[in-house]
Every structure is written in C-alpha cells, then in structure tokens.
C-alpha atoms as a PDB file:
ATOM      1  CA  MET A   1     107.630  -9.613 148.224  1.00  0.00           C
ATOM      2  CA  THR A   2     106.813  -7.472 151.220  1.00  0.00           C
ATOM      3  CA  GLY A   3     103.468  -6.062 152.262  1.00  0.00           C
ATOM      4  CA  LYS A   4     100.054  -7.334 151.192  1.00  0.00           C
ATOM      5  CA  CYS A   5     100.252  -9.636 148.181  1.00  0.00           C
ATOM      6  CA  THR A   6      97.270 -10.393 145.932  1.00  0.00           C
ATOM      7  CA  LYS A   7      97.467 -13.847 144.375  1.00  0.00           C
ATOM      8  CA  ILE A   8      95.659 -14.419 141.072  1.00  0.00           C
ATOM      9  CA  GLY A   9      95.364 -17.908 139.601  1.00  0.00           C
ATOM     10  CA  VAL A  10      95.123 -18.283 135.828  1.00  0.00           C
ATOM     11  CA  ILE A  11      94.157 -21.368 133.836  1.00  0.00           C
ATOM     12  CA  SER A  12      93.378 -21.563 130.131  1.00  0.00           C
ATOM     13  CA  ASP A  13      92.211 -24.016 127.486  1.00  0.00           C
ATOM     14  CA  LEU A  14      90.577 -26.500 129.817  1.00  0.00           C
ATOM     15  CA  HIS A  15      88.716 -28.132 126.909  1.00  0.00           C
ATOM     16  CA  LEU A  16      86.541 -29.993 129.368  1.00  0.00           C
ATOM     17  CA  TYR A  17      84.898 -32.905 127.608  1.00  0.00           C
ATOM     18  CA  LYS A  18      84.505 -35.786 130.067  1.00  0.00           C
ATOM     19  CA  LYS A  19      87.770 -36.237 131.962  1.00  0.00           C
ATOM     20  CA  THR A  20      88.549 -33.724 134.707  1.00  0.00           C
ATOM     21  CA  VAL A  21      91.814 -35.057 136.201  1.00  0.00           C
ATOM     22  CA  ASN A  22      94.105 -32.293 134.872  1.00  0.00           C
ATOM     23  CA  ILE A  23      91.565 -29.616 135.675  1.00  0.00           C
ATOM     24  CA  GLU A  24      91.241 -30.873 139.251  1.00  0.00           C
ATOM     25  CA  HIS A  25      95.044 -30.828 139.624  1.00  0.00           C
ATOM     26  CA  ALA A  26      95.157 -27.254 138.307  1.00  0.00           C
ATOM     27  CA  LEU A  27      92.489 -26.089 140.728  1.00  0.00           C
ATOM     28  CA  LEU A  28      94.286 -27.753 143.633  1.00  0.00           C
ATOM     29  CA  ALA A  29      97.525 -26.029 142.608  1.00  0.00           C
ATOM     30  CA  LEU A  30      95.717 -22.685 142.920  1.00  0.00           C
ATOM     31  CA  HIS A  31      93.774 -23.415 146.087  1.00  0.00           C
ATOM     32  CA  ASN A  32      95.072 -20.387 148.017  1.00  0.00           C
ATOM     33  CA  VAL A  33      94.475 -17.649 145.429  1.00  0.00           C
ATOM     34  CA  ASP A  34      92.452 -14.481 145.979  1.00  0.00           C
ATOM     35  CA  LEU A  35      91.065 -14.506 142.444  1.00  0.00           C
ATOM     36  CA  LEU A  36      90.707 -17.127 139.691  1.00  0.00           C
ATOM     37  CA  LEU A  37      90.756 -16.334 135.957  1.00  0.00           C
ATOM     38  CA  LEU A  38      89.656 -18.735 133.183  1.00  0.00           C
ATOM     39  CA  VAL A  39      91.001 -17.647 129.783  1.00  0.00           C
ATOM     40  CA  GLY A  40      88.712 -19.367 127.287  1.00  0.00           C
ATOM     41  CA  ASP A  41      88.085 -22.722 125.624  1.00  0.00           C
ATOM     42  CA  ILE A  42      86.490 -23.798 128.865  1.00  0.00           C
ATOM     43  CA  ALA A  43      84.109 -26.449 127.521  1.00  0.00           C
ATOM     44  CA  ASP A  44      85.333 -28.423 124.527  1.00  0.00           C
ATOM     45  CA  ARG A  45      81.938 -28.568 122.799  1.00  0.00           C
ATOM     46  CA  GLY A  46      80.293 -25.582 124.503  1.00  0.00           C
ATOM     47  CA  ALA A  47      77.775 -28.017 126.018  1.00  0.00           C
ATOM     48  CA  GLU A  48      75.657 -27.210 129.070  1.00  0.00           C
ATOM     49  CA  LYS A  49      76.609 -30.453 130.843  1.00  0.00           C
ATOM     50  CA  GLN A  50      80.315 -29.686 130.418  1.00  0.00           C
ATOM     51  CA  TYR A  51      79.942 -26.249 132.014  1.00  0.00           C
ATOM     52  CA  ASN A  52      77.913 -27.805 134.833  1.00  0.00           C
ATOM     53  CA  ILE A  53      80.709 -30.283 135.606  1.00  0.00           C
ATOM     54  CA  LEU A  54      83.219 -27.436 135.866  1.00  0.00           C
ATOM     55  CA  LEU A  55      80.829 -25.262 137.836  1.00  0.00           C
ATOM     56  CA  LYS A  56      80.503 -28.016 140.457  1.00  0.00           C
ATOM     57  CA  LEU A  57      84.308 -28.388 140.731  1.00  0.00           C
ATOM     58  CA  ILE A  58      84.834 -24.649 141.121  1.00  0.00           C
ATOM     59  CA  LYS A  59      82.060 -24.177 143.653  1.00  0.00           C
ATOM     60  CA  GLU A  60      83.521 -26.979 145.766  1.00  0.00           C
ATOM     61  CA  GLN A  61      86.962 -25.338 145.983  1.00  0.00           C
ATOM     62  CA  PHE A  62      86.445 -21.639 145.177  1.00  0.00           C
ATOM     63  CA  ASN A  63      82.990 -20.824 146.525  1.00  0.00           C
ATOM     64  CA  ASP A  64      84.311 -17.742 148.360  1.00  0.00           C
ATOM     65  CA  VAL A  65      86.781 -16.676 145.652  1.00  0.00           C
ATOM     66  CA  PRO A  66      85.833 -14.359 142.753  1.00  0.00           C
ATOM     67  CA  VAL A  67      86.060 -16.195 139.418  1.00  0.00           C
ATOM     68  CA  TYR A  68      86.082 -14.384 136.066  1.00  0.00           C
ATOM     69  CA  CYS A  69      86.249 -15.836 132.583  1.00  0.00           C
ATOM     70  CA  VAL A  70      86.311 -15.052 128.881  1.00  0.00           C
ATOM     71  CA  SER A  71      85.164 -17.267 126.043  1.00  0.00           C
ATOM     72  CA  GLY A  72      87.229 -19.064 123.421  1.00  0.00           C
ATOM     73  CA  ASN A  73      86.290 -20.478 120.050  1.00  0.00           C
ATOM     74  CA  HIS A  74      85.166 -23.747 121.669  1.00  0.00           C
ATOM     75  CA  ASP A  75      82.801 -21.798 123.946  1.00  0.00           C
ATOM     76  CA  ASN A  76      81.175 -20.171 120.946  1.00  0.00           C
ATOM     77  CA  PRO A  77      80.272 -22.974 118.511  1.00  0.00           C
ATOM     78  CA  ALA A  78      78.467 -21.637 115.457  1.00  0.00           C
ATOM     79  CA  ARG A  79      78.678 -18.195 117.111  1.00  0.00           C
ATOM     80  CA  ASP A  80      76.247 -19.306 119.840  1.00  0.00           C
ATOM     81  CA  ASP A  81      77.579 -18.515 123.328  1.00  0.00           C
ATOM     82  CA  THR A  82      74.304 -19.108 125.202  1.00  0.00           C
ATOM     83  CA  ASN A  83      75.652 -21.904 127.416  1.00  0.00           C
ATOM     84  CA  TYR A  84      78.870 -20.000 128.075  1.00  0.00           C
ATOM     85  CA  ARG A  85      76.987 -16.880 129.172  1.00  0.00           C
ATOM     86  CA  ILE A  86      74.886 -18.918 131.610  1.00  0.00           C
ATOM     87  CA  PHE A  87      78.103 -20.379 133.064  1.00  0.00           C
ATOM     88  CA  GLU A  88      79.664 -16.886 133.235  1.00  0.00           C
ATOM     89  CA  ARG A  89      76.785 -15.675 135.417  1.00  0.00           C
ATOM     90  CA  LYS A  90      76.582 -18.749 137.635  1.00  0.00           C
ATOM     91  CA  VAL A  91      80.303 -19.173 138.321  1.00  0.00           C
ATOM     92  CA  ASN A  92      80.567 -15.747 139.886  1.00  0.00           C
ATOM     93  CA  ASP A  93      77.127 -15.017 141.279  1.00  0.00           C
ATOM     94  CA  LYS A  94      78.649 -13.707 144.538  1.00  0.00           C
ATOM     95  CA  TYR A  95      81.067 -11.261 142.881  1.00  0.00           C
ATOM     96  CA  PRO A  96      79.488 -10.215 139.570  1.00  0.00           C
ATOM     97  CA  ALA A  97      81.406  -8.110 137.073  1.00  0.00           C
ATOM     98  CA  VAL A  98      79.862  -5.230 135.142  1.00  0.00           C
ATOM     99  CA  VAL A  99      79.001  -6.796 131.779  1.00  0.00           C
ATOM    100  CA  ASP A 100      78.488  -4.309 128.955  1.00  0.00           C
ATOM    101  CA  GLU A 101      75.959  -4.924 126.193  1.00  0.00           C
ATOM    102  CA  CYS A 102      78.859  -5.222 123.723  1.00  0.00           C
ATOM    103  CA  GLY A 103      79.877  -8.502 125.424  1.00  0.00           C
ATOM    104  CA  ALA A 104      82.923  -7.296 127.393  1.00  0.00           C
ATOM    105  CA  PHE A 105      83.125  -6.730 131.151  1.00  0.00           C
ATOM    106  CA  TYR A 106      85.135  -4.912 133.796  1.00  0.00           C
ATOM    107  CA  LYS A 107      85.749  -5.362 137.499  1.00  0.00           C
ATOM    108  CA  TYR A 108      87.844  -3.418 139.997  1.00  0.00           C
ATOM    109  CA  ILE A 109      90.085  -5.873 141.847  1.00  0.00           C
ATOM    110  CA  ASN A 110      91.328  -3.224 144.263  1.00  0.00           C
ATOM    111  CA  GLU A 111      92.102   0.488 144.210  1.00  0.00           C
ATOM    112  CA  ASN A 112      95.221  -0.081 142.077  1.00  0.00           C
ATOM    113  CA  VAL A 113      94.231  -2.853 139.637  1.00  0.00           C
ATOM    114  CA  ASP A 114      91.194  -3.446 137.448  1.00  0.00           C
ATOM    115  CA  LEU A 115      90.208  -6.345 135.178  1.00  0.00           C
ATOM    116  CA  ILE A 116      88.730  -6.166 131.684  1.00  0.00           C
ATOM    117  CA  GLY A 117      87.450  -9.225 129.816  1.00  0.00           C
ATOM    118  CA  LEU A 118      87.033  -9.330 126.035  1.00  0.00           C
ATOM    119  CA  ASN A 119      85.041 -11.917 124.080  1.00  0.00           C
ATOM    120  CA  PRO A 120      85.788 -11.866 120.344  1.00  0.00           C
ATOM    121  CA  VAL A 121      83.802 -14.330 118.256  1.00  0.00           C
ATOM    122  CA  TYR A 122      85.250 -16.900 115.884  1.00  0.00           C
ATOM    123  CA  GLY A 123      84.410 -17.616 112.283  1.00  0.00           C
ATOM    124  CA  GLN A 124      86.250 -18.858 109.204  1.00  0.00           C
ATOM    125  CA  LYS A 125      89.369 -19.581 111.259  1.00  0.00           C
ATOM    126  CA  GLN A 126      89.702 -16.037 112.597  1.00  0.00           C
ATOM    127  CA  PHE A 127      88.622 -14.115 115.680  1.00  0.00           C
ATOM    128  CA  PHE A 128      86.947 -10.729 115.363  1.00  0.00           C
ATOM    129  CA  PHE A 129      85.145  -8.205 117.546  1.00  0.00           C
ATOM    130  CA  PRO A 130      81.596  -7.826 116.184  1.00  0.00           C
ATOM    131  CA  ASP A 131      79.583  -4.634 115.673  1.00  0.00           C
ATOM    132  CA  LYS A 132      82.532  -2.748 114.177  1.00  0.00           C
ATOM    133  CA  GLY A 133      84.735  -3.492 117.161  1.00  0.00           C
ATOM    134  CA  ARG A 134      82.497  -2.163 119.937  1.00  0.00           C
ATOM    135  CA  GLN A 135      84.395  -4.208 122.526  1.00  0.00           C
ATOM    136  CA  LEU A 136      87.577  -2.360 121.542  1.00  0.00           C
ATOM    137  CA  ASP A 137      85.706   0.941 121.968  1.00  0.00           C
ATOM    138  CA  PHE A 138      84.695  -0.303 125.426  1.00  0.00           C
ATOM    139  CA  LEU A 139      88.275  -1.296 126.249  1.00  0.00           C
ATOM    140  CA  GLN A 140      89.719   2.048 125.172  1.00  0.00           C
ATOM    141  CA  GLY A 141      87.030   4.061 126.966  1.00  0.00           C
ATOM    142  CA  HIS A 142      87.374   2.122 130.190  1.00  0.00           C
ATOM    143  CA  LEU A 143      91.181   2.253 130.244  1.00  0.00           C
ATOM    144  CA  ARG A 144      91.248   5.977 129.510  1.00  0.00           C
ATOM    145  CA  GLY A 145      88.783   6.660 132.304  1.00  0.00           C
ATOM    146  CA  SER A 146      90.147   4.216 134.868  1.00  0.00           C
ATOM    147  CA  THR A 147      91.702   5.561 138.055  1.00  0.00           C
ATOM    148  CA  CYS A 148      93.705   2.354 138.528  1.00  0.00           C
ATOM    149  CA  SER A 149      97.444   2.328 137.973  1.00  0.00           C
ATOM    150  CA  TYR A 150      97.514  -1.170 136.450  1.00  0.00           C
ATOM    151  CA  HIS A 151      95.124  -3.096 134.253  1.00  0.00           C
ATOM    152  CA  ILE A 152      94.644  -6.809 133.605  1.00  0.00           C
ATOM    153  CA  VAL A 153      93.041  -7.601 130.237  1.00  0.00           C
ATOM    154  CA  MET A 154      91.878 -11.112 129.325  1.00  0.00           C
ATOM    155  CA  CYS A 155      91.354 -12.207 125.722  1.00  0.00           C
ATOM    156  CA  HIS A 156      91.530 -15.795 124.498  1.00  0.00           C
ATOM    157  CA  PRO A 157      93.525 -15.238 121.258  1.00  0.00           C
ATOM    158  CA  PRO A 158      96.887 -13.421 121.551  1.00  0.00           C
ATOM    159  CA  LEU A 159      97.969 -10.410 119.550  1.00  0.00           C
ATOM    160  CA  ILE A 160     100.247 -11.249 116.637  1.00  0.00           C
ATOM    161  CA  ALA A 161     103.181  -9.247 118.058  1.00  0.00           C
ATOM    162  CA  HIS A 162     103.100 -11.352 121.226  1.00  0.00           C
ATOM    163  CA  ASN A 163     102.021 -14.722 119.873  1.00  0.00           C
ATOM    164  CA  PRO A 164     104.489 -17.389 121.089  1.00  0.00           C
ATOM    165  CA  GLN A 165     103.878 -19.289 117.829  1.00  0.00           C
ATOM    166  CA  ARG A 166     104.480 -16.288 115.567  1.00  0.00           C
ATOM    167  CA  ARG A 167     106.293 -16.616 112.271  1.00  0.00           C
ATOM    168  CA  LYS A 168     106.979 -13.948 109.673  1.00  0.00           C
ATOM    169  CA  ASP A 169     104.357 -15.386 107.330  1.00  0.00           C
ATOM    170  CA  MET A 170     101.732 -16.050 110.001  1.00  0.00           C
ATOM    171  CA  PRO A 171      98.488 -14.031 109.891  1.00  0.00           C
ATOM    172  CA  PRO A 172      97.139 -12.721 113.208  1.00  0.00           C
ATOM    173  CA  TYR A 173      94.509 -14.743 115.059  1.00  0.00           C
ATOM    174  CA  ILE A 174      92.408 -11.576 115.411  1.00  0.00           C
ATOM    175  CA  ALA A 175      91.275  -9.815 112.210  1.00  0.00           C
ATOM    176  CA  SER A 176      94.246  -7.765 111.063  1.00  0.00           C
ATOM    177  CA  GLU A 177      92.886  -4.223 111.470  1.00  0.00           C
ATOM    178  CA  GLN A 178      91.391  -5.072 114.863  1.00  0.00           C
ATOM    179  CA  ASP A 179      94.661  -6.684 115.963  1.00  0.00           C
ATOM    180  CA  LYS A 180      96.472  -3.441 115.103  1.00  0.00           C
ATOM    181  CA  ARG A 181      93.912  -1.319 116.923  1.00  0.00           C
ATOM    182  CA  PHE A 182      93.959  -3.568 119.988  1.00  0.00           C
ATOM    183  CA  GLN A 183      97.752  -3.344 120.134  1.00  0.00           C
ATOM    184  CA  GLY A 184      97.603   0.432 119.701  1.00  0.00           C
ATOM    185  CA  ILE A 185      95.225   0.824 122.647  1.00  0.00           C
ATOM    186  CA  LEU A 186      97.560  -1.141 124.936  1.00  0.00           C
ATOM    187  CA  ASP A 187     100.587   0.822 123.723  1.00  0.00           C
ATOM    188  CA  GLU A 188      98.768   4.091 124.413  1.00  0.00           C
ATOM    189  CA  ILE A 189      97.691   3.209 127.946  1.00  0.00           C
ATOM    190  CA  GLY A 190     100.674   1.219 129.278  1.00  0.00           C
ATOM    191  CA  ASN A 191     100.885  -0.700 132.570  1.00  0.00           C
ATOM    192  CA  VAL A 192      98.679  -3.444 131.073  1.00  0.00           C
ATOM    193  CA  ILE A 193      98.916  -7.185 131.708  1.00  0.00           C
ATOM    194  CA  LEU A 194      97.373  -8.987 128.717  1.00  0.00           C
ATOM    195  CA  ILE A 195      96.558 -12.631 129.471  1.00  0.00           C
ATOM    196  CA  CYS A 196      95.797 -14.924 126.526  1.00  0.00           C
ATOM    197  CA  GLY A 197      95.597 -18.632 125.701  1.00  0.00           C
ATOM    198  CA  HIS A 198      94.604 -20.538 122.549  1.00  0.00           C
ATOM    199  CA  THR A 199      98.109 -21.503 121.373  1.00  0.00           C
ATOM    200  CA  HIS A 200      98.557 -24.703 123.433  1.00  0.00           C
ATOM    201  CA  VAL A 201     102.271 -24.085 123.815  1.00  0.00           C
ATOM    202  CA  ALA A 202     104.009 -23.875 127.175  1.00  0.00           C
ATOM    203  CA  PRO A 203     103.458 -20.574 129.001  1.00  0.00           C
ATOM    204  CA  THR A 204     105.438 -17.463 128.146  1.00  0.00           C
ATOM    205  CA  ALA A 205     105.719 -14.027 129.762  1.00  0.00           C
ATOM    206  CA  GLU A 206     107.047 -11.159 127.651  1.00  0.00           C
ATOM    207  CA  LEU A 207     107.743  -7.755 129.228  1.00  0.00           C
ATOM    208  CA  GLU A 208     107.682  -4.715 126.941  1.00  0.00           C
ATOM    209  CA  ASP A 209     109.734  -2.062 128.718  1.00  0.00           C
ATOM    210  CA  ALA A 210     108.716   0.921 126.561  1.00  0.00           C
ATOM    211  CA  CYS A 211     105.173   1.021 127.969  1.00  0.00           C
ATOM    212  CA  ASN A 212     105.606  -1.423 130.871  1.00  0.00           C
ATOM    213  CA  ASN A 213     103.155  -3.918 129.382  1.00  0.00           C
ATOM    214  CA  LEU A 214     103.342  -7.607 130.250  1.00  0.00           C
ATOM    215  CA  TYR A 215     102.071 -10.202 127.753  1.00  0.00           C
ATOM    216  CA  ILE A 216     101.265 -13.614 129.214  1.00  0.00           C
ATOM    217  CA  ASN A 217     100.413 -16.749 127.278  1.00  0.00           C
ATOM    218  CA  ALA A 218      98.812 -18.840 129.998  1.00  0.00           C
ATOM    219  CA  GLY A 219      99.498 -22.192 128.350  1.00  0.00           C
ATOM    220  CA  SER A 220      96.903 -24.932 128.510  1.00  0.00           C
ATOM    221  CA  ILE A 221      95.398 -27.417 130.906  1.00  0.00           C
ATOM    222  CA  CYS A 222      95.751 -29.862 128.026  1.00  0.00           C
ATOM    223  CA  PRO A 223      99.242 -31.340 127.463  1.00  0.00           C
ATOM    224  CA  THR A 224     101.448 -28.651 125.927  1.00  0.00           C
ATOM    225  CA  MET A 225     104.654 -28.619 123.933  1.00  0.00           C
ATOM    226  CA  LYS A 226     107.572 -26.790 125.531  1.00  0.00           C
ATOM    227  CA  LYS A 227     109.671 -25.332 122.721  1.00  0.00           C
ATOM    228  CA  ASP A 228     113.053 -25.254 124.445  1.00  0.00           C
ATOM    229  CA  CYS A 229     113.212 -28.742 125.913  1.00  0.00           C
ATOM    230  CA  GLY A 230     113.572 -30.997 122.897  1.00  0.00           C
ATOM    231  CA  GLY A 231     109.892 -31.636 122.309  1.00  0.00           C
ATOM    232  CA  GLU A 232     109.144 -32.624 125.910  1.00  0.00           C
ATOM    233  CA  ILE A 233     105.443 -32.702 126.662  1.00  0.00           C
ATOM    234  CA  GLN A 234     104.332 -30.883 129.795  1.00  0.00           C
ATOM    235  CA  GLN A 235     101.123 -32.134 131.378  1.00  0.00           C
ATOM    236  CA  GLY A 236      99.353 -28.807 131.628  1.00  0.00           C
ATOM    237  CA  ASN A 237     100.117 -25.678 133.610  1.00  0.00           C
ATOM    238  CA  ALA A 238      98.684 -23.395 136.286  1.00  0.00           C
ATOM    239  CA  THR A 239      99.848 -19.779 136.262  1.00  0.00           C
ATOM    240  CA  LEU A 240     100.070 -17.586 139.353  1.00  0.00           C
ATOM    241  CA  LEU A 241     100.316 -13.785 139.382  1.00  0.00           C
ATOM    242  CA  GLU A 242     101.502 -12.211 142.607  1.00  0.00           C
ATOM    243  CA  ILE A 243     100.856  -8.484 142.903  1.00  0.00           C
ATOM    244  CA  SER A 244     102.361  -6.367 145.683  1.00  0.00           C
ATOM    245  CA  SER A 245     103.852  -2.912 146.148  1.00  0.00           C
ATOM    246  CA  ASN A 246     107.180  -4.306 144.909  1.00  0.00           C
ATOM    247  CA  GLY A 247     105.863  -5.394 141.515  1.00  0.00           C
ATOM    248  CA  ILE A 248     104.073  -8.180 139.725  1.00  0.00           C
ATOM    249  CA  SER A 249     105.582 -11.631 139.352  1.00  0.00           C
ATOM    250  CA  VAL A 250     104.489 -14.459 137.058  1.00  0.00           C
ATOM    251  CA  ILE A 251     105.092 -18.007 138.242  1.00  0.00           C
ATOM    252  CA  VAL A 252     104.077 -21.042 136.194  1.00  0.00           C
ATOM    253  CA  ASN A 253     103.934 -24.514 137.692  1.00  0.00           C
ATOM    254  CA  GLY A 254     103.323 -27.830 136.028  1.00  0.00           C
ATOM    255  CA  ILE A 255     100.106 -29.071 137.574  1.00  0.00           C
ATOM    256  CA  HIS A 256     101.742 -32.411 138.369  1.00  0.00           C
ATOM    257  CA  THR A 257     105.448 -31.599 138.719  1.00  0.00           C
ATOM    258  CA  ARG A 258     105.169 -28.256 140.601  1.00  0.00           C
ATOM    259  CA  LYS A 259     108.262 -27.142 138.688  1.00  0.00           C
ATOM    260  CA  VAL A 260     108.612 -23.394 138.165  1.00  0.00           C
ATOM    261  CA  TYR A 261     108.981 -22.670 134.435  1.00  0.00           C
ATOM    262  CA  ILE A 262     108.854 -18.850 134.338  1.00  0.00           C
ATOM    263  CA  GLU A 263     109.394 -15.986 136.707  1.00  0.00           C
ATOM    264  CA  LYS A 264     109.125 -12.455 135.312  1.00  0.00           C
ATOM    265  CA  PHE A 265     108.642  -9.176 137.110  1.00  0.00           C
ATOM    266  CA  MET A 266     106.759  -6.077 136.084  1.00  0.00           C
ATOM    267  CA  LYS A 267     107.643  -2.804 137.804  1.00  0.00           C
ATOM    268  CA  MET A 268     105.017  -0.875 139.723  1.00  0.00           C
END
C-alpha cells in the first residue's frame, strides 16, 4: 500500500486465567501497531487480579498506543461488569473514548475512520442489548450522524449471517430480533468493518460487496480449530488491519508460526 498506512492490531478471547505466554506472544506480534483492539472475553473469570495482570503487560508494551476493548460473556459474570469497566478506564487513560450511559462507546481514529464499541450482556446462553436495545439506538444514531467514510464496530458475539460456525438450525448468539436489527443497521449504513470473537475458530474475513461491509471473526488467543486443515490446531492468532488510501487489508498471523492465514481487501 502507498501513502500513510494505519495499522490496527486485534486480539480476541484472551481468557486470561494465570498463564500469559500466548497473550505475550500476541502482543509482541503487534508491537508496531498504531491502535490495539481487544474483542472480549479478556479475563476468564472477570476477576480484578486477572485484569491487573493484563493491564501490566499492555502498559509495558503499548503505553503510548490507544487501546480499546469490549466485553465478552466471561467479562460479565452474573451480569456484573464492574471489574471490566475499571480495566476499560485504566487501559486507555491517555486516549479515552466517549462512553455513553447505555454502555457503548465511540472514538474517532482519524478524519476518515471511527470506532464504535458495543457491550451486550449475557444470560441464559444468549447475548442481548439491555434497556430495549439502547446500544443499538446509539449505534444507529452515531453512524447516521458520522462524517467518517468508514466505520469499525466491535462486538464480542458475531451476527448469525456472518457466524463462521453457522448452521441452518443454529440460533443466533444475539437475541433474534436484536440480531436482525443490528444487521439491518449495518446494511443501511455500509462501509462498516464488524469485528467479533467468541467462536474460538480460526479467523475469517467475509466481504459483502452489496454494501461494502467487511465481517471479521478475530479468532482466539486460545488454541483454535482451523476448519480447512484436517482438524489442525492453531496456537492462537493475532489479526492486523492495515488502512490506507488504497483500501483495507486483513492479515492474520499465528502468534508462534507467523504464517499468514487470510488476506482480504475492502475498497475505499
């Protein structure tokens, strides 16, 4: 790519419990990024000491890099995200996002790209946006009013239409009516990059030409199953988005092997 290139590192499903080896490898693989995104299930038990371990690792390597995150079901045990919210504030105290009272946030990355983070809660084996979907109201309002040409949206569970595990009989991870509304908002706006995790399968990038939306499953820092390689286990992944005037590329490396698994381009 020519011209200035913004590099965004993405890691998901860290499930930090005690061991940090894979997480440290992932952070090293993304040491030269301009922005770091954490896509949920950050601490395996949602415990304060687990967030503090990760906070120390990130501050050591990314102290001058903006870091933004969304929560997963493991960050919200018994619908209590107190420890996660403390981590959210501390990890990015130098570059705070605008956090709305509904629980979502936005941040302008540059004049062309903004970032929106959504935090659905989890209960009875399903995600849902509380308060009659106020976070979806926030998402739609922000996207309609945004002056940016492209939008990155983070949400831990994927939409059913772009779930790499999807089967015909599989219910959506997000409550059905909210899943449909969420998808409709993205279809209406276009030029959206939706980054999700949760599935623990190897990363995927699916480009929808009709509205120029890119759907990324960021994989997992935990060992993941790669569907098309005979059951081979990949030891985690670190995803890199490169944004320039020529387009947006998605490159996924194994955090140990450095092998490129995916490269997709989104037109700008």
